Amino acid sequence: KVLKDLATVFRGIMYWINGQVVAVQDSPKESVFTFTQGNVVDGLFNYEGQSDRVSLNRVNVSYSEPDKSYSKEVVTVDNLDNIVEKNRVLTQDIVAFGCTSRGQAIRAGKWYLETNARENEIIKFETGSNGSFIVPGDIISVQDQEKDLVQFSGRVSNTGTRDTDTIPLDRDITLQTGSSYVLHVYFAGGAAYLNQ
């Protein structure tokens, strides 16, 4: 519990993997893998979201005030535009663990409101061994052709021609004239190829 609370100081999480506790910070990172219809079970992505009507617009942040012998103080952070739009207040109480600054408590409240407003959709899918290296805190990309109407994914087929100039795909692809393309192929095991 103490370690989990401590992780909130740097907007992180703690989890247990390979016999050790690992800390991960919520910070900008590069995506480690892209999931598409070609590498998820049955090509299905399921989406769940929360209604904007239930997203928070007020946070009461508890912190330790040094000028008052580190007693607990509460600062309220509001999203005034959202309160006016909804014509009601939806409040959450949070604790800024280890915080001894009113300004830092306000920043924590703003971050909490912003996160609550933006992270309102969950995507669920099943995949094979290609997702086994992903750990909590990793950023992934999802290219869902059913939602985005963009189709840049697929699988190399085990049927069709096997000559040196052709890579058989799982479906027909139309390439735009004058555009250049890069083909990325993921192998289950080791592989070698000629870059020609």
Protein backbone atom coordinates (compact mmCIF):
# COMPACT_ATOMS: atom_id res chain seq x y z
CA LYS A 1 0.00 0.00 0.00
CA VAL A 2 2.82 2.42 0.87
CA LEU A 3 4.65 1.65 -2.40
CA LYS A 4 1.46 2.16 -4.42
CA ASP A 5 0.83 5.47 -2.65
CA LEU A 6 4.44 6.49 -3.24
CA ALA A 7 4.07 5.76 -6.96
CA THR A 8 1.28 8.34 -7.18
CA VAL A 9 3.88 11.02 -6.39
CA PHE A 10 5.33 10.63 -9.89
CA ARG A 11 2.05 9.54 -11.55
CA GLY A 12 3.18 5.97 -11.68
CA ILE A 13 2.13 2.43 -10.91
CA MET A 14 3.90 -0.47 -9.26
CA TYR A 15 3.57 -4.07 -10.37
CA TRP A 16 5.29 -7.37 -9.67
CA ILE A 17 7.10 -9.10 -12.57
CA ASN A 18 9.99 -11.58 -12.78
CA GLY A 19 10.41 -11.66 -9.00
CA GLN A 20 10.72 -7.92 -8.50
CA VAL A 21 8.67 -4.79 -8.00
CA VAL A 22 8.78 -2.50 -11.05
CA ALA A 23 7.76 1.17 -11.12
CA VAL A 24 6.42 2.76 -14.30
CA GLN A 25 5.71 6.46 -14.75
CA ASP A 26 2.81 7.85 -16.77
CA SER A 27 4.87 9.95 -19.18
CA PRO A 28 5.14 10.44 -22.95
CA LYS A 29 6.71 7.41 -24.68
CA GLU A 30 6.94 5.82 -28.08
CA SER A 31 4.53 3.06 -29.00
CA VAL A 32 6.08 -0.41 -28.63
CA PHE A 33 3.72 -2.32 -30.94
CA THR A 34 0.77 -1.84 -33.30
CA PHE A 35 -2.27 -4.10 -33.08
CA THR A 36 -4.44 -4.49 -36.17
CA GLN A 37 -7.09 -6.86 -37.54
CA GLY A 38 -4.19 -8.95 -38.82
CA ASN A 39 -2.75 -9.80 -35.39
CA VAL A 40 -5.76 -10.05 -33.05
CA VAL A 41 -8.06 -13.04 -32.64
CA ASP A 42 -10.86 -12.98 -35.25
CA GLY A 43 -9.80 -9.39 -36.11
CA LEU A 44 -12.14 -8.08 -33.39
CA PHE A 45 -11.70 -4.98 -31.22
CA ASN A 46 -14.34 -4.33 -28.56
CA TYR A 47 -14.80 -0.78 -27.25
CA GLU A 48 -16.27 0.35 -23.94
CA GLY A 49 -16.60 3.96 -22.87
CA GLN A 50 -18.02 6.14 -20.19
CA SER A 51 -20.55 8.81 -20.89
CA ASP A 52 -19.38 12.40 -20.78
CA ARG A 53 -22.30 13.00 -18.41
CA VAL A 54 -20.52 11.11 -15.60
CA SER A 55 -17.01 12.53 -16.06
CA LEU A 56 -15.78 14.53 -13.07
CA ASN A 57 -15.64 18.32 -13.01
CA ARG A 58 -14.49 18.97 -9.43
CA VAL A 59 -11.67 17.43 -7.41
CA ASN A 60 -10.97 17.99 -3.71
CA VAL A 61 -7.24 17.40 -3.23
CA SER A 62 -5.86 16.69 0.25
CA TYR A 63 -2.25 17.66 0.94
CA SER A 64 0.04 18.44 3.92
CA GLU A 65 0.40 22.16 4.65
CA PRO A 66 3.87 22.98 6.09
CA ASP A 67 2.74 26.33 7.52
CA LYS A 68 0.18 24.50 9.68
CA SER A 69 2.48 21.81 11.12
CA TYR A 70 1.86 19.57 8.06
CA SER A 71 -1.80 19.17 8.93
CA LYS A 72 -4.19 18.01 6.26
CA GLU A 73 -5.55 20.78 4.02
CA VAL A 74 -7.95 20.50 1.10
CA VAL A 75 -7.85 22.53 -2.11
CA THR A 76 -10.68 22.34 -4.64
CA VAL A 77 -9.98 22.32 -8.38
CA ASP A 78 -12.88 22.91 -10.76
CA ASN A 79 -13.47 22.54 -14.47
CA LEU A 80 -15.80 25.54 -14.62
CA ASP A 81 -16.68 25.16 -18.32
CA ASN A 82 -17.83 21.59 -17.69
CA ILE A 83 -19.83 22.57 -14.60
CA VAL A 84 -21.67 25.26 -16.59
CA GLU A 85 -22.23 22.88 -19.52
CA LYS A 86 -23.64 20.06 -17.35
CA ASN A 87 -25.34 22.38 -14.87
CA ARG A 88 -24.24 20.08 -12.04
CA VAL A 89 -21.13 19.27 -10.03
CA LEU A 90 -19.54 15.79 -10.03
CA THR A 91 -16.92 15.61 -7.28
CA GLN A 92 -14.11 13.21 -6.35
CA ASP A 93 -11.87 13.38 -3.26
CA ILE A 94 -8.20 12.45 -3.81
CA VAL A 95 -5.04 12.51 -1.74
CA ALA A 96 -1.83 14.04 -3.09
CA PHE A 97 0.53 11.67 -1.28
CA GLY A 98 3.73 13.37 -0.07
CA CYS A 99 2.55 16.77 -1.33
CA THR A 100 3.47 19.78 0.82
CA SER A 101 2.65 22.52 -1.68
CA ARG A 102 -0.71 24.05 -2.48
CA GLY A 103 0.46 24.71 -6.06
CA GLN A 104 1.48 21.08 -6.52
CA ALA A 105 -1.89 19.96 -5.12
CA ILE A 106 -3.66 22.19 -7.65
CA ARG A 107 -1.54 20.70 -10.49
CA ALA A 108 -2.42 17.19 -9.26
CA GLY A 109 -6.11 18.12 -9.32
CA LYS A 110 -5.87 19.55 -12.84
CA TRP A 111 -4.07 16.43 -14.04
CA TYR A 112 -6.76 14.22 -12.44
CA LEU A 113 -9.58 16.17 -14.12
CA GLU A 114 -7.83 16.18 -17.50
CA THR A 115 -7.08 12.46 -17.30
CA ASN A 116 -10.67 11.69 -16.31
CA ALA A 117 -11.99 13.72 -19.26
CA ARG A 118 -9.65 12.26 -21.90
CA GLU A 119 -9.16 8.63 -20.86
CA ASN A 120 -12.75 7.56 -21.22
CA GLU A 121 -12.56 4.57 -23.57
CA ILE A 122 -11.32 1.01 -23.07
CA ILE A 123 -10.43 -1.30 -25.93
CA LYS A 124 -10.43 -5.08 -25.46
CA PHE A 125 -8.98 -7.72 -27.76
CA GLU A 126 -7.22 -11.07 -27.74
CA THR A 127 -3.88 -11.70 -29.41
CA GLY A 128 -1.23 -14.38 -29.71
CA SER A 129 2.40 -14.59 -28.63
CA ASN A 130 3.18 -11.32 -30.44
CA GLY A 131 1.75 -9.49 -27.41
CA SER A 132 3.63 -11.48 -24.77
CA PHE A 133 6.42 -8.92 -24.31
CA ILE A 134 4.08 -6.02 -23.46
CA VAL A 135 4.06 -4.99 -19.79
CA PRO A 136 1.91 -2.55 -17.78
CA GLY A 137 2.75 1.04 -18.68
CA ASP A 138 3.73 0.29 -22.29
CA ILE A 139 2.11 2.39 -25.01
CA ILE A 140 0.55 0.48 -27.88
CA SER A 141 -1.03 1.65 -31.13
CA VAL A 142 -4.30 0.27 -32.48
CA GLN A 143 -5.13 0.51 -36.17
CA ASP A 144 -8.74 -0.64 -36.46
CA GLN A 145 -9.84 -0.56 -40.10
CA GLU A 146 -13.49 -0.93 -39.03
CA LYS A 147 -13.27 2.30 -37.06
CA ASP A 148 -10.67 4.32 -38.98
CA LEU A 149 -11.46 3.03 -42.51
CA VAL A 150 -7.71 2.76 -43.09
CA GLN A 151 -6.28 -0.64 -44.00
CA PHE A 152 -2.52 -0.90 -43.52
CA SER A 153 -2.21 -4.31 -41.91
CA GLY A 154 -2.46 -7.98 -42.63
CA ARG A 155 -0.58 -11.26 -42.64
CA VAL A 156 1.83 -12.97 -44.97
CA SER A 157 -0.06 -15.89 -46.47
CA ASN A 158 1.26 -19.45 -46.44
CA THR A 159 -0.30 -20.03 -49.87
CA GLY A 160 0.40 -18.62 -53.29
CA THR A 161 3.62 -18.04 -55.14
CA ARG A 162 6.98 -18.52 -53.45
CA ASP A 163 9.32 -16.91 -55.96
CA THR A 164 11.94 -14.35 -54.89
CA ASP A 165 10.04 -11.29 -56.15
CA THR A 166 6.65 -11.87 -54.51
CA ILE A 167 5.42 -11.90 -50.92
CA PRO A 168 1.97 -13.53 -50.76
CA LEU A 169 -0.49 -11.60 -48.55
CA ASP A 170 -3.77 -12.61 -46.95
CA ARG A 171 -5.76 -10.34 -49.30
CA ASP A 172 -5.47 -8.12 -52.37
CA ILE A 173 -3.84 -4.72 -51.76
CA THR A 174 -4.10 -1.71 -54.05
CA LEU A 175 -1.01 0.50 -53.96
CA GLN A 176 -1.17 4.18 -54.84
CA THR A 177 0.97 5.21 -57.81
CA GLY A 178 3.79 7.56 -56.83
CA SER A 179 3.74 6.51 -53.16
CA SER A 180 6.42 4.52 -51.39
CA TYR A 181 5.69 1.75 -48.92
CA VAL A 182 7.64 -0.09 -46.24
CA LEU A 183 6.73 -3.68 -45.38
CA HIS A 184 7.35 -4.76 -41.77
CA VAL A 185 7.23 -8.51 -41.16
CA TYR A 186 7.25 -10.02 -37.66
CA PHE A 187 8.63 -13.55 -37.32
CA ALA A 188 7.84 -16.00 -34.53
CA GLY A 189 11.48 -17.16 -34.42
CA GLY A 190 14.80 -16.17 -35.87
CA ALA A 191 15.00 -15.25 -39.53
CA ALA A 192 17.39 -13.94 -42.17
CA TYR A 193 16.70 -12.08 -45.37
CA LEU A 194 18.56 -10.27 -48.12
CA ASN A 195 18.03 -6.50 -48.20
CA GLN A 196 17.97 -6.07 -51.99
